[in-house]
């Protein structure tokens, strides 16, 4: 059984990169559009990946207030 809390990719050659966006709102809109296109495929998932967190994993995704 696969843990649904994590992200396990079945075939990395099938990973689709939708784009790089200037802000979260634009990335979210692209994510939502792609996710809605595959709504009938329970095995397909899209994610918003924060590139700055790849460079600095300790950095928060939202600025502190």
PDB file of N, CA and C in Angstrom:
ATOM      1  N   UNK A   1       0.851  -1.188   0.000  1.00  0.00           N
ATOM      2  CA  UNK A   1       0.000   0.000   0.000  1.00  0.00           C
ATOM      3  C   UNK A   1       0.888   1.240   0.000  1.00  0.00           C
ATOM      4  N   UNK A   2       0.551   2.200  -0.791  1.00  0.00           N
ATOM      5  CA  UNK A   2       1.292   3.449  -0.871  1.00  0.00           C
ATOM      6  C   UNK A   2       0.725   4.445   0.127  1.00  0.00           C
ATOM      7  N   UNK A   3       1.608   5.159   0.806  1.00  0.00           N
ATOM      8  CA  UNK A   3       1.195   6.194   1.742  1.00  0.00           C
ATOM      9  C   UNK A   3       0.734   7.411   0.951  1.00  0.00           C
ATOM     10  N   UNK A   4      -0.513   7.804   1.104  1.00  0.00           N
ATOM     11  CA  UNK A   4      -1.056   8.925   0.353  1.00  0.00           C
ATOM     12  C   UNK A   4      -0.574  10.274   0.866  1.00  0.00           C
ATOM     13  N   UNK A   5       0.094  10.294   1.986  1.00  0.00           N
ATOM     14  CA  UNK A   5       0.622  11.547   2.530  1.00  0.00           C
ATOM     15  C   UNK A   5       1.892  11.986   1.808  1.00  0.00           C
ATOM     16  N   UNK A   6       2.578  11.062   1.161  1.00  0.00           N
ATOM     17  CA  UNK A   6       3.824  11.386   0.475  1.00  0.00           C
ATOM     18  C   UNK A   6       3.630  11.496  -1.018  1.00  0.00           C
ATOM     19  N   UNK A   7       4.734  11.723  -1.711  1.00  0.00           N
ATOM     20  CA  UNK A   7       4.727  11.831  -3.160  1.00  0.00           C
ATOM     21  C   UNK A   7       5.661  10.774  -3.725  1.00  0.00           C
ATOM     22  N   UNK A   8       5.096   9.734  -4.309  1.00  0.00           N
ATOM     23  CA  UNK A   8       5.877   8.686  -4.938  1.00  0.00           C
ATOM     24  C   UNK A   8       5.548   8.701  -6.422  1.00  0.00           C
ATOM     25  N   UNK A   9       6.562   8.920  -7.253  1.00  0.00           N
ATOM     26  CA  UNK A   9       6.345   8.981  -8.686  1.00  0.00           C
ATOM     27  C   UNK A   9       6.578   7.606  -9.291  1.00  0.00           C
ATOM     28  N   UNK A  10       5.610   7.138 -10.058  1.00  0.00           N
ATOM     29  CA  UNK A  10       5.675   5.823 -10.677  1.00  0.00           C
ATOM     30  C   UNK A  10       6.699   5.796 -11.807  1.00  0.00           C
ATOM     31  N   UNK A  11       6.743   6.839 -12.621  1.00  0.00           N
ATOM     32  CA  UNK A  11       7.629   6.895 -13.780  1.00  0.00           C
ATOM     33  C   UNK A  11       8.101   8.336 -13.964  1.00  0.00           C
ATOM     34  N   UNK A  12       9.334   8.624 -13.579  1.00  0.00           N
ATOM     35  CA  UNK A  12       9.845   9.997 -13.651  1.00  0.00           C
ATOM     36  C   UNK A  12       9.927  10.525 -15.078  1.00  0.00           C
ATOM     37  N   UNK A  13       9.964   9.638 -16.057  1.00  0.00           N
ATOM     38  CA  UNK A  13      10.003  10.113 -17.444  1.00  0.00           C
ATOM     39  C   UNK A  13       8.653  10.700 -17.859  1.00  0.00           C
ATOM     40  N   UNK A  14       7.622  10.476 -17.074  1.00  0.00           N
ATOM     41  CA  UNK A  14       6.290  10.995 -17.374  1.00  0.00           C
ATOM     42  C   UNK A  14       5.951  12.265 -16.588  1.00  0.00           C
ATOM     43  N   UNK A  15       6.907  12.782 -15.798  1.00  0.00           N
ATOM     44  CA  UNK A  15       6.665  14.010 -15.035  1.00  0.00           C
ATOM     45  C   UNK A  15       6.527  15.171 -16.009  1.00  0.00           C
ATOM     46  N   UNK A  16       5.482  15.954 -15.831  1.00  0.00           N
ATOM     47  CA  UNK A  16       5.210  17.096 -16.713  1.00  0.00           C
ATOM     48  C   UNK A  16       5.473  18.391 -15.954  1.00  0.00           C
ATOM     49  N   UNK A  17       6.296  19.251 -16.522  1.00  0.00           N
ATOM     50  CA  UNK A  17       6.534  20.574 -15.953  1.00  0.00           C
ATOM     51  C   UNK A  17       5.663  21.541 -16.741  1.00  0.00           C
ATOM     52  N   UNK A  18       4.751  22.200 -16.051  1.00  0.00           N
ATOM     53  CA  UNK A  18       3.806  23.090 -16.718  1.00  0.00           C
ATOM     54  C   UNK A  18       4.436  24.441 -16.992  1.00  0.00           C
ATOM     55  N   UNK A  19       5.239  24.949 -16.084  1.00  0.00           N
ATOM     56  CA  UNK A  19       5.886  26.234 -16.327  1.00  0.00           C
ATOM     57  C   UNK A  19       6.483  26.829 -15.072  1.00  0.00           C
ATOM     58  N   UNK A  20       7.131  27.953 -15.255  1.00  0.00           N
ATOM     59  CA  UNK A  20       7.674  28.745 -14.154  1.00  0.00           C
ATOM     60  C   UNK A  20       6.891  30.051 -14.157  1.00  0.00           C
ATOM     61  N   UNK A  21       6.384  30.429 -12.994  1.00  0.00           N
ATOM     62  CA  UNK A  21       5.468  31.557 -12.914  1.00  0.00           C
ATOM     63  C   UNK A  21       6.009  32.625 -11.969  1.00  0.00           C
ATOM     64  N   UNK A  22       5.635  33.887 -12.193  1.00  0.00           N
ATOM     65  CA  UNK A  22       6.197  34.983 -11.403  1.00  0.00           C
ATOM     66  C   UNK A  22       5.661  35.085  -9.979  1.00  0.00           C
ATOM     67  N   UNK A  23       4.515  34.445  -9.711  1.00  0.00           N
ATOM     68  CA  UNK A  23       3.947  34.535  -8.370  1.00  0.00           C
ATOM     69  C   UNK A  23       3.044  33.324  -8.120  1.00  0.00           C
ATOM     70  N   UNK A  24       2.650  33.171  -6.878  1.00  0.00           N
ATOM     71  CA  UNK A  24       1.846  32.012  -6.488  1.00  0.00           C
ATOM     72  C   UNK A  24       0.473  32.020  -7.150  1.00  0.00           C
ATOM     73  N   UNK A  25      -0.147  33.174  -7.267  1.00  0.00           N
ATOM     74  CA  UNK A  25      -1.494  33.258  -7.840  1.00  0.00           C
ATOM     75  C   UNK A  25      -1.512  32.744  -9.280  1.00  0.00           C
ATOM     76  N   UNK A  26      -0.513  33.098 -10.057  1.00  0.00           N
ATOM     77  CA  UNK A  26      -0.430  32.637 -11.442  1.00  0.00           C
ATOM     78  C   UNK A  26      -0.150  31.141 -11.489  1.00  0.00           C
ATOM     79  N   UNK A  27       0.727  30.670 -10.614  1.00  0.00           N
ATOM     80  CA  UNK A  27       1.029  29.236 -10.547  1.00  0.00           C
ATOM     81  C   UNK A  27      -0.200  28.451 -10.124  1.00  0.00           C
ATOM     82  N   UNK A  28      -0.947  28.977  -9.174  1.00  0.00           N
ATOM     83  CA  UNK A  28      -2.160  28.316  -8.705  1.00  0.00           C
ATOM     84  C   UNK A  28      -3.185  28.202  -9.835  1.00  0.00           C
ATOM     85  N   UNK A  29      -3.341  29.258 -10.620  1.00  0.00           N
ATOM     86  CA  UNK A  29      -4.295  29.233 -11.738  1.00  0.00           C
ATOM     87  C   UNK A  29      -3.891  28.164 -12.756  1.00  0.00           C
ATOM     88  N   UNK A  30      -2.592  28.048 -13.046  1.00  0.00           N
ATOM     89  CA  UNK A  30      -2.108  27.021 -13.979  1.00  0.00           C
ATOM     90  C   UNK A  30      -2.312  25.636 -13.387  1.00  0.00           C
ATOM     91  N   UNK A  31      -2.025  25.477 -12.089  1.00  0.00           N
ATOM     92  CA  UNK A  31      -2.237  24.192 -11.418  1.00  0.00           C
ATOM     93  C   UNK A  31      -3.710  23.784 -11.501  1.00  0.00           C
ATOM     94  N   UNK A  32      -4.594  24.711 -11.202  1.00  0.00           N
ATOM     95  CA  UNK A  32      -6.022  24.410 -11.197  1.00  0.00           C
ATOM     96  C   UNK A  32      -6.507  23.992 -12.587  1.00  0.00           C
ATOM     97  N   UNK A  33      -6.047  24.691 -13.609  1.00  0.00           N
ATOM     98  CA  UNK A  33      -6.446  24.360 -14.981  1.00  0.00           C
ATOM     99  C   UNK A  33      -5.970  22.959 -15.365  1.00  0.00           C
ATOM    100  N   UNK A  34      -4.714  22.616 -15.051  1.00  0.00           N
ATOM    101  CA  UNK A  34      -4.189  21.291 -15.384  1.00  0.00           C
ATOM    102  C   UNK A  34      -4.887  20.214 -14.562  1.00  0.00           C
ATOM    103  N   UNK A  35      -5.126  20.467 -13.302  1.00  0.00           N
ATOM    104  CA  UNK A  35      -5.784  19.484 -12.447  1.00  0.00           C
ATOM    105  C   UNK A  35      -7.210  19.211 -12.929  1.00  0.00           C
ATOM    106  N   UNK A  36      -7.901  20.231 -13.366  1.00  0.00           N
ATOM    107  CA  UNK A  36      -9.265  20.048 -13.848  1.00  0.00           C
ATOM    108  C   UNK A  36      -9.312  19.264 -15.157  1.00  0.00           C
ATOM    109  N   UNK A  37      -8.252  19.345 -15.962  1.00  0.00           N
ATOM    110  CA  UNK A  37      -8.200  18.587 -17.212  1.00  0.00           C
ATOM    111  C   UNK A  37      -8.098  17.083 -16.962  1.00  0.00           C
ATOM    112  N   UNK A  38      -7.560  16.708 -15.807  1.00  0.00           N
ATOM    113  CA  UNK A  38      -7.339  15.290 -15.496  1.00  0.00           C
ATOM    114  C   UNK A  38      -8.184  14.830 -14.318  1.00  0.00           C
ATOM    115  N   UNK A  39      -9.313  15.462 -14.103  1.00  0.00           N
ATOM    116  CA  UNK A  39     -10.145  15.180 -12.939  1.00  0.00           C
ATOM    117  C   UNK A  39     -10.614  13.719 -12.897  1.00  0.00           C
ATOM    118  N   UNK A  40     -10.739  13.079 -14.040  1.00  0.00           N
ATOM    119  CA  UNK A  40     -11.208  11.690 -14.080  1.00  0.00           C
ATOM    120  C   UNK A  40     -10.096  10.666 -13.850  1.00  0.00           C
ATOM    121  N   UNK A  41      -8.856  11.105 -13.781  1.00  0.00           N
ATOM    122  CA  UNK A  41      -7.724  10.207 -13.584  1.00  0.00           C
ATOM    123  C   UNK A  41      -7.264  10.299 -12.125  1.00  0.00           C
ATOM    124  N   UNK A  42      -7.645   9.335 -11.318  1.00  0.00           N
ATOM    125  CA  UNK A  42      -7.329   9.357  -9.881  1.00  0.00           C
ATOM    126  C   UNK A  42      -5.836   9.212  -9.603  1.00  0.00           C
ATOM    127  N   UNK A  43      -5.060   8.778 -10.580  1.00  0.00           N
ATOM    128  CA  UNK A  43      -3.621   8.582 -10.381  1.00  0.00           C
ATOM    129  C   UNK A  43      -2.801   9.803 -10.778  1.00  0.00           C
ATOM    130  N   UNK A  44      -3.433  10.794 -11.374  1.00  0.00           N
ATOM    131  CA  UNK A  44      -2.727  11.996 -11.839  1.00  0.00           C
ATOM    132  C   UNK A  44      -2.823  13.080 -10.774  1.00  0.00           C
ATOM    133  N   UNK A  45      -1.668  13.637 -10.442  1.00  0.00           N
ATOM    134  CA  UNK A  45      -1.646  14.731  -9.471  1.00  0.00           C
ATOM    135  C   UNK A  45      -0.720  15.821  -9.972  1.00  0.00           C
ATOM    136  N   UNK A  46      -1.079  17.047  -9.724  1.00  0.00           N
ATOM    137  CA  UNK A  46      -0.238  18.196 -10.051  1.00  0.00           C
ATOM    138  C   UNK A  46       0.109  18.912  -8.752  1.00  0.00           C
ATOM    139  N   UNK A  47       1.275  19.526  -8.719  1.00  0.00           N
ATOM    140  CA  UNK A  47       1.760  20.218  -7.536  1.00  0.00           C
ATOM    141  C   UNK A  47       2.303  21.585  -7.930  1.00  0.00           C
ATOM    142  N   UNK A  48       2.173  22.551  -7.035  1.00  0.00           N
ATOM    143  CA  UNK A  48       2.883  23.821  -7.166  1.00  0.00           C
ATOM    144  C   UNK A  48       4.175  23.637  -6.382  1.00  0.00           C
ATOM    145  N   UNK A  49       5.290  23.721  -7.085  1.00  0.00           N
ATOM    146  CA  UNK A  49       6.600  23.524  -6.460  1.00  0.00           C
ATOM    147  C   UNK A  49       7.245  24.896  -6.286  1.00  0.00           C
ATOM    148  N   UNK A  50       7.616  25.202  -5.075  1.00  0.00           N
ATOM    149  CA  UNK A  50       8.252  26.483  -4.771  1.00  0.00           C
ATOM    150  C   UNK A  50       9.757  26.347  -5.020  1.00  0.00           C
ATOM    151  N   UNK A  51      10.241  26.950  -6.111  1.00  0.00           N
ATOM    152  CA  UNK A  51      11.649  26.795  -6.487  1.00  0.00           C
ATOM    153  C   UNK A  51      12.599  27.318  -5.419  1.00  0.00           C
ATOM    154  N   UNK A  52      12.208  28.386  -4.727  1.00  0.00           N
ATOM    155  CA  UNK A  52      13.084  28.915  -3.687  1.00  0.00           C
ATOM    156  C   UNK A  52      13.274  27.908  -2.550  1.00  0.00           C
ATOM    157  N   UNK A  53      12.300  27.037  -2.332  1.00  0.00           N
ATOM    158  CA  UNK A  53      12.444  26.017  -1.286  1.00  0.00           C
ATOM    159  C   UNK A  53      13.375  24.898  -1.731  1.00  0.00           C
ATOM    160  N   UNK A  54      13.500  24.679  -3.041  1.00  0.00           N
ATOM    161  CA  UNK A  54      14.476  23.709  -3.532  1.00  0.00           C
ATOM    162  C   UNK A  54      15.891  24.228  -3.290  1.00  0.00           C
ATOM    163  N   UNK A  55      16.070  25.535  -3.430  1.00  0.00           N
ATOM    164  CA  UNK A  55      17.383  26.140  -3.211  1.00  0.00           C
ATOM    165  C   UNK A  55      17.701  26.260  -1.727  1.00  0.00           C
ATOM    166  N   UNK A  56      16.680  26.571  -0.921  1.00  0.00           N
ATOM    167  CA  UNK A  56      16.844  26.736   0.523  1.00  0.00           C
ATOM    168  C   UNK A  56      15.659  26.062   1.212  1.00  0.00           C
ATOM    169  N   UNK A  57      15.755  24.742   1.494  1.00  0.00           N
ATOM    170  CA  UNK A  57      14.624  23.990   2.043  1.00  0.00           C
ATOM    171  C   UNK A  57      14.086  24.538   3.368  1.00  0.00           C
ATOM    172  N   UNK A  58      14.846  25.293   4.098  1.00  0.00           N
ATOM    173  CA  UNK A  58      14.393  25.830   5.370  1.00  0.00           C
ATOM    174  C   UNK A  58      13.560  27.096   5.222  1.00  0.00           C
ATOM    175  N   UNK A  59      13.520  27.660   4.047  1.00  0.00           N
ATOM    176  CA  UNK A  59      12.806  28.921   3.827  1.00  0.00           C
ATOM    177  C   UNK A  59      11.294  28.668   3.770  1.00  0.00           C
ATOM    178  N   UNK A  60      10.526  29.568   4.367  1.00  0.00           N
ATOM    179  CA  UNK A  60       9.063  29.465   4.354  1.00  0.00           C
ATOM    180  C   UNK A  60       8.527  29.834   2.976  1.00  0.00           C
ATOM    181  N   UNK A  61       7.359  29.300   2.637  1.00  0.00           N
ATOM    182  CA  UNK A  61       6.750  29.603   1.335  1.00  0.00           C
ATOM    183  C   UNK A  61       6.056  30.956   1.326  1.00  0.00           C
ATOM    184  N   UNK A  62       5.634  31.420   2.496  1.00  0.00           N
ATOM    185  CA  UNK A  62       4.972  32.716   2.584  1.00  0.00           C
ATOM    186  C   UNK A  62       5.800  33.617   3.507  1.00  0.00           C
ATOM    187  N   UNK A  63       5.893  34.892   3.179  1.00  0.00           N
ATOM    188  CA  UNK A  63       6.670  35.793   4.043  1.00  0.00           C
ATOM    189  C   UNK A  63       6.038  35.932   5.423  1.00  0.00           C
ATOM    190  N   UNK A  64       6.883  36.068   6.425  1.00  0.00           N
ATOM    191  CA  UNK A  64       6.391  36.268   7.803  1.00  0.00           C
ATOM    192  C   UNK A  64       5.726  37.634   7.912  1.00  0.00           C
ATOM    193  N   UNK A  65       4.680  37.700   8.704  1.00  0.00           N
ATOM    194  CA  UNK A  65       3.975  38.981   8.876  1.00  0.00           C
ATOM    195  C   UNK A  65       4.390  39.645  10.141  1.00  0.00           C
TER     196      UNK A  65
END
